[in-house]
Each structure stands twice: as C-alpha cells, then as structure tokens.
Amino acid sequence: MVNEYIRYRIEVEMQAAFLSDYQKAGNYLRASPVCLGYELTQCEEEQECFILRIVWRSTADHMSKFRGSAEFQGFLGLIKPYVPKIEEMRHYALTSVCWERS
C-alpha cells in the first residue's frame, strides 16, 4: 500500500467547480481495483490549499494499471483543468512511526 499526495492551490472562484469535479472523479477511483481509498482535505488556515490523498495498492499499480485504464481516462477528463494548479504530486510509503487513537 502506498499513499499518493497531491497538493493543489485553487483560487476561491474555482473551488466549487473543483469540489464538484472531484466528487464525480471519485467514481472512477472507486471503480479501479488498484485504488484502495481517497480523501480530499482543505486547509483551514489557507483556504486555497487542498491535499488529495489517494491510497494505491502500489506505485507500480497506480502508474501502469490505473493510468493505462479506462477509469483513468474518465478521471483525467474531470480533473484536467486543475493539473496546472498542482504544487506537489508524489507517492509516500508508510514508516514504522505512527499512532492513531481509536
């Protein structure tokens, strides 16, 4: 399992469309067998900053299986206007340093 983090800076006037398009794009992520989950968060201190976390089975599955799929084409069609707004897009593996209150 690997987390992909995508940092966006979205101007206020684009935010409603951004959220709506990602709501729809989520259908393509859910349809992909290599996507294990996702969440989109918005910064409270800087409202223009968003972070999308997508959980993939592996980086290789994301890069080859998802990006080569029909689901990717539908996903990309919805989020393409926001690609220039990406400030970072990387894959991160979990380390042994973690804790979560249940």
N, C-alpha and C. Protein backbone atom coordinates (compact mmCIF):
# COMPACT_ATOMS: atom_id res chain seq x y z
N MET A 1 0.84 -1.17 0.00
CA MET A 1 0.00 0.00 0.00
C MET A 1 0.89 1.24 0.00
N VAL A 2 0.49 2.24 -0.77
CA VAL A 2 1.23 3.50 -0.86
C VAL A 2 0.23 4.66 -0.94
N ASN A 3 0.61 5.78 -0.34
CA ASN A 3 -0.22 6.98 -0.38
C ASN A 3 0.34 7.93 -1.42
N GLU A 4 -0.52 8.40 -2.28
CA GLU A 4 -0.15 9.47 -3.20
C GLU A 4 -0.76 10.75 -2.64
N TYR A 5 0.08 11.77 -2.49
CA TYR A 5 -0.38 13.07 -2.02
C TYR A 5 -0.26 14.08 -3.15
N ILE A 6 -1.34 14.79 -3.39
CA ILE A 6 -1.35 15.82 -4.43
C ILE A 6 -1.78 17.13 -3.75
N ARG A 7 -0.88 18.10 -3.79
CA ARG A 7 -1.17 19.41 -3.20
C ARG A 7 -1.59 20.37 -4.30
N TYR A 8 -2.73 20.98 -4.08
CA TYR A 8 -3.30 21.95 -5.02
C TYR A 8 -3.40 23.33 -4.38
N ARG A 9 -3.31 24.36 -5.18
CA ARG A 9 -3.67 25.72 -4.78
C ARG A 9 -4.78 26.16 -5.74
N ILE A 10 -5.99 26.25 -5.21
CA ILE A 10 -7.18 26.53 -6.02
C ILE A 10 -7.78 27.87 -5.59
N GLU A 11 -7.87 28.79 -6.52
CA GLU A 11 -8.45 30.10 -6.24
C GLU A 11 -9.91 29.94 -5.79
N VAL A 12 -10.34 30.85 -4.95
CA VAL A 12 -11.68 30.79 -4.36
C VAL A 12 -12.76 30.64 -5.43
N GLU A 13 -12.64 31.37 -6.52
CA GLU A 13 -13.69 31.32 -7.55
C GLU A 13 -13.75 29.98 -8.28
N MET A 14 -12.73 29.15 -8.16
CA MET A 14 -12.71 27.83 -8.80
C MET A 14 -13.07 26.70 -7.85
N GLN A 15 -13.19 26.98 -6.56
CA GLN A 15 -13.32 25.91 -5.56
C GLN A 15 -14.61 25.10 -5.68
N ALA A 16 -15.72 25.74 -5.97
CA ALA A 16 -16.98 24.99 -6.10
C ALA A 16 -16.89 23.99 -7.25
N ALA A 17 -16.36 24.41 -8.38
CA ALA A 17 -16.20 23.51 -9.52
C ALA A 17 -15.19 22.41 -9.22
N PHE A 18 -14.09 22.78 -8.55
CA PHE A 18 -13.06 21.81 -8.16
C PHE A 18 -13.67 20.70 -7.29
N LEU A 19 -14.41 21.08 -6.27
CA LEU A 19 -15.02 20.09 -5.39
C LEU A 19 -16.06 19.24 -6.12
N SER A 20 -16.85 19.87 -6.96
CA SER A 20 -17.85 19.13 -7.73
C SER A 20 -17.19 18.14 -8.69
N ASP A 21 -16.15 18.58 -9.38
CA ASP A 21 -15.46 17.70 -10.33
C ASP A 21 -14.77 16.55 -9.61
N TYR A 22 -14.18 16.80 -8.45
CA TYR A 22 -13.55 15.71 -7.71
C TYR A 22 -14.58 14.76 -7.12
N GLN A 23 -15.75 15.25 -6.78
CA GLN A 23 -16.83 14.37 -6.32
C GLN A 23 -17.16 13.37 -7.44
N LYS A 24 -17.25 13.85 -8.65
CA LYS A 24 -17.53 12.98 -9.81
C LYS A 24 -16.33 12.09 -10.13
N ALA A 25 -15.13 12.65 -10.06
CA ALA A 25 -13.92 11.88 -10.37
C ALA A 25 -13.73 10.71 -9.41
N GLY A 26 -14.25 10.87 -8.19
CA GLY A 26 -14.17 9.78 -7.22
C GLY A 26 -14.82 8.50 -7.70
N ASN A 27 -15.83 8.61 -8.56
CA ASN A 27 -16.47 7.41 -9.11
C ASN A 27 -15.46 6.56 -9.87
N TYR A 28 -14.54 7.20 -10.58
CA TYR A 28 -13.53 6.47 -11.35
C TYR A 28 -12.49 5.85 -10.43
N LEU A 29 -12.15 6.52 -9.35
CA LEU A 29 -11.22 5.94 -8.38
C LEU A 29 -11.85 4.72 -7.72
N ARG A 30 -13.11 4.83 -7.31
CA ARG A 30 -13.80 3.70 -6.67
C ARG A 30 -13.94 2.51 -7.62
N ALA A 31 -14.04 2.78 -8.91
CA ALA A 31 -14.19 1.70 -9.90
C ALA A 31 -12.88 0.97 -10.18
N SER A 32 -11.77 1.57 -9.78
CA SER A 32 -10.46 0.95 -10.06
C SER A 32 -10.09 -0.05 -8.98
N PRO A 33 -9.76 -1.27 -9.37
CA PRO A 33 -9.37 -2.28 -8.36
C PRO A 33 -8.03 -1.98 -7.69
N VAL A 34 -7.24 -1.08 -8.22
CA VAL A 34 -5.93 -0.76 -7.62
C VAL A 34 -5.99 0.44 -6.68
N CYS A 35 -7.14 1.12 -6.61
CA CYS A 35 -7.34 2.23 -5.68
C CYS A 35 -8.03 1.69 -4.44
N LEU A 36 -7.43 1.95 -3.27
CA LEU A 36 -7.97 1.44 -2.01
C LEU A 36 -8.74 2.49 -1.22
N GLY A 37 -8.66 3.74 -1.63
CA GLY A 37 -9.38 4.81 -0.94
C GLY A 37 -8.81 6.17 -1.30
N TYR A 38 -9.52 7.21 -0.87
CA TYR A 38 -9.05 8.58 -1.13
C TYR A 38 -9.76 9.53 -0.19
N GLU A 39 -9.16 10.72 -0.02
CA GLU A 39 -9.79 11.81 0.71
C GLU A 39 -9.22 13.12 0.23
N LEU A 40 -10.07 14.12 0.17
CA LEU A 40 -9.67 15.46 -0.23
C LEU A 40 -9.87 16.37 0.97
N THR A 41 -8.80 17.06 1.39
CA THR A 41 -8.89 17.96 2.54
C THR A 41 -8.56 19.38 2.10
N GLN A 42 -9.13 20.34 2.85
CA GLN A 42 -8.90 21.76 2.58
C GLN A 42 -8.26 22.37 3.82
N CYS A 43 -7.25 23.17 3.62
CA CYS A 43 -6.53 23.82 4.71
C CYS A 43 -7.44 24.85 5.39
N GLU A 44 -7.46 24.83 6.70
CA GLU A 44 -8.26 25.82 7.43
C GLU A 44 -7.58 27.18 7.48
N GLU A 45 -6.25 27.19 7.53
CA GLU A 45 -5.53 28.46 7.60
C GLU A 45 -5.39 29.15 6.25
N GLU A 46 -5.24 28.38 5.20
CA GLU A 46 -5.13 28.91 3.83
C GLU A 46 -6.17 28.20 2.98
N GLN A 47 -7.32 28.81 2.82
CA GLN A 47 -8.46 28.17 2.16
C GLN A 47 -8.19 27.77 0.71
N GLU A 48 -7.16 28.32 0.09
CA GLU A 48 -6.84 27.96 -1.30
C GLU A 48 -6.06 26.65 -1.40
N CYS A 49 -5.60 26.12 -0.28
CA CYS A 49 -4.76 24.91 -0.29
C CYS A 49 -5.59 23.66 -0.03
N PHE A 50 -5.41 22.67 -0.90
CA PHE A 50 -6.09 21.38 -0.79
C PHE A 50 -5.04 20.28 -0.89
N ILE A 51 -5.28 19.17 -0.18
CA ILE A 51 -4.45 17.99 -0.33
C ILE A 51 -5.36 16.81 -0.62
N LEU A 52 -5.08 16.14 -1.71
CA LEU A 52 -5.76 14.91 -2.06
C LEU A 52 -4.85 13.75 -1.70
N ARG A 53 -5.36 12.81 -0.92
CA ARG A 53 -4.61 11.58 -0.61
C ARG A 53 -5.33 10.43 -1.28
N ILE A 54 -4.61 9.71 -2.11
CA ILE A 54 -5.15 8.51 -2.76
C ILE A 54 -4.31 7.33 -2.30
N VAL A 55 -4.97 6.28 -1.86
CA VAL A 55 -4.28 5.08 -1.42
C VAL A 55 -4.32 4.06 -2.56
N TRP A 56 -3.13 3.65 -3.00
CA TRP A 56 -2.99 2.69 -4.09
C TRP A 56 -2.43 1.38 -3.54
N ARG A 57 -2.69 0.29 -4.23
CA ARG A 57 -2.06 -0.99 -3.86
C ARG A 57 -0.55 -0.86 -3.91
N SER A 58 -0.05 -0.18 -4.94
CA SER A 58 1.39 0.06 -5.08
C SER A 58 1.57 1.21 -6.07
N THR A 59 2.77 1.78 -6.06
CA THR A 59 3.08 2.83 -7.03
C THR A 59 3.02 2.26 -8.44
N ALA A 60 3.55 1.05 -8.61
CA ALA A 60 3.54 0.42 -9.94
C ALA A 60 2.11 0.22 -10.44
N ASP A 61 1.21 -0.23 -9.56
CA ASP A 61 -0.19 -0.41 -9.97
C ASP A 61 -0.81 0.93 -10.37
N HIS A 62 -0.50 1.97 -9.63
CA HIS A 62 -1.03 3.28 -9.98
C HIS A 62 -0.52 3.72 -11.34
N MET A 63 0.80 3.65 -11.51
CA MET A 63 1.42 4.19 -12.72
C MET A 63 1.13 3.36 -13.96
N SER A 64 1.03 2.06 -13.83
CA SER A 64 0.80 1.24 -15.03
C SER A 64 -0.65 0.80 -15.18
N LYS A 65 -1.22 0.22 -14.15
CA LYS A 65 -2.58 -0.32 -14.28
C LYS A 65 -3.64 0.78 -14.30
N PHE A 66 -3.59 1.71 -13.34
CA PHE A 66 -4.62 2.75 -13.34
C PHE A 66 -4.43 3.70 -14.51
N ARG A 67 -3.22 4.17 -14.71
CA ARG A 67 -3.00 5.16 -15.79
C ARG A 67 -3.22 4.57 -17.18
N GLY A 68 -3.23 3.26 -17.29
CA GLY A 68 -3.49 2.62 -18.57
C GLY A 68 -4.94 2.18 -18.71
N SER A 69 -5.79 2.60 -17.80
CA SER A 69 -7.16 2.08 -17.76
C SER A 69 -8.19 3.10 -18.29
N ALA A 70 -9.37 2.57 -18.56
CA ALA A 70 -10.50 3.43 -18.96
C ALA A 70 -10.90 4.34 -17.80
N GLU A 71 -10.76 3.84 -16.56
CA GLU A 71 -11.09 4.66 -15.40
C GLU A 71 -10.22 5.92 -15.35
N PHE A 72 -8.94 5.77 -15.71
CA PHE A 72 -8.05 6.93 -15.71
C PHE A 72 -8.50 7.97 -16.72
N GLN A 73 -8.94 7.53 -17.88
CA GLN A 73 -9.38 8.47 -18.91
C GLN A 73 -10.56 9.31 -18.41
N GLY A 74 -11.51 8.67 -17.76
CA GLY A 74 -12.65 9.40 -17.20
C GLY A 74 -12.23 10.33 -16.08
N PHE A 75 -11.36 9.84 -15.21
CA PHE A 75 -10.84 10.63 -14.10
C PHE A 75 -10.11 11.87 -14.62
N LEU A 76 -9.20 11.66 -15.55
CA LEU A 76 -8.42 12.76 -16.12
C LEU A 76 -9.31 13.78 -16.82
N GLY A 77 -10.32 13.32 -17.49
CA GLY A 77 -11.23 14.24 -18.17
C GLY A 77 -11.87 15.24 -17.22
N LEU A 78 -12.11 14.81 -15.98
CA LEU A 78 -12.72 15.70 -14.99
C LEU A 78 -11.73 16.60 -14.28
N ILE A 79 -10.52 16.11 -14.03
CA ILE A 79 -9.58 16.89 -13.21
C ILE A 79 -8.53 17.64 -14.02
N LYS A 80 -8.54 17.45 -15.33
CA LYS A 80 -7.52 18.08 -16.18
C LYS A 80 -7.41 19.59 -16.00
N PRO A 81 -8.50 20.33 -15.82
CA PRO A 81 -8.36 21.78 -15.64
C PRO A 81 -7.55 22.17 -14.40
N TYR A 82 -7.40 21.25 -13.46
CA TYR A 82 -6.73 21.56 -12.20
C TYR A 82 -5.27 21.09 -12.17
N VAL A 83 -4.84 20.37 -13.18
CA VAL A 83 -3.46 19.88 -13.23
C VAL A 83 -2.44 21.03 -13.12
N PRO A 84 -2.65 22.16 -13.79
CA PRO A 84 -1.70 23.27 -13.63
C PRO A 84 -1.66 23.86 -12.22
N LYS A 85 -2.64 23.53 -11.40
CA LYS A 85 -2.72 24.04 -10.03
C LYS A 85 -1.99 23.13 -9.03
N ILE A 86 -1.39 22.04 -9.51
CA ILE A 86 -0.69 21.10 -8.63
C ILE A 86 0.65 21.69 -8.21
N GLU A 87 0.89 21.68 -6.90
CA GLU A 87 2.16 22.15 -6.36
C GLU A 87 3.09 20.97 -6.03
N GLU A 88 2.52 19.82 -5.74
CA GLU A 88 3.31 18.61 -5.48
C GLU A 88 2.44 17.41 -5.76
N MET A 89 3.06 16.37 -6.33
CA MET A 89 2.37 15.10 -6.57
C MET A 89 3.42 13.99 -6.41
N ARG A 90 3.33 13.26 -5.29
CA ARG A 90 4.33 12.23 -5.00
C ARG A 90 3.69 11.05 -4.28
N HIS A 91 4.40 9.92 -4.34
CA HIS A 91 4.00 8.71 -3.63
C HIS A 91 4.82 8.59 -2.35
N TYR A 92 4.14 8.24 -1.26
CA TYR A 92 4.80 8.10 0.04
C TYR A 92 4.45 6.75 0.64
N ALA A 93 5.48 6.06 1.12
CA ALA A 93 5.29 4.78 1.82
C ALA A 93 5.22 5.05 3.32
N LEU A 94 4.41 4.27 4.01
CA LEU A 94 4.31 4.41 5.46
C LEU A 94 5.61 3.96 6.11
N THR A 95 5.90 4.58 7.23
CA THR A 95 7.05 4.16 8.04
C THR A 95 6.51 3.49 9.30
N SER A 96 7.41 3.08 10.16
CA SER A 96 7.00 2.45 11.41
C SER A 96 6.58 3.48 12.46
N VAL A 97 6.75 4.76 12.16
CA VAL A 97 6.39 5.81 13.10
C VAL A 97 4.93 6.21 12.85
N CYS A 98 4.05 5.71 13.67
CA CYS A 98 2.63 6.03 13.52
C CYS A 98 1.87 5.71 14.80
N TRP A 99 0.75 6.34 14.94
CA TRP A 99 -0.15 6.10 16.07
C TRP A 99 -1.49 6.71 15.72
N GLU A 100 -2.55 6.06 16.14
CA GLU A 100 -3.87 6.61 15.90
C GLU A 100 -4.77 6.22 17.06
N ARG A 101 -5.47 7.19 17.59
CA ARG A 101 -6.41 6.92 18.69
C ARG A 101 -7.68 6.32 18.09
N SER A 102 -8.15 5.26 18.70
CA SER A 102 -9.38 4.65 18.19
C SER A 102 -10.55 4.89 19.11
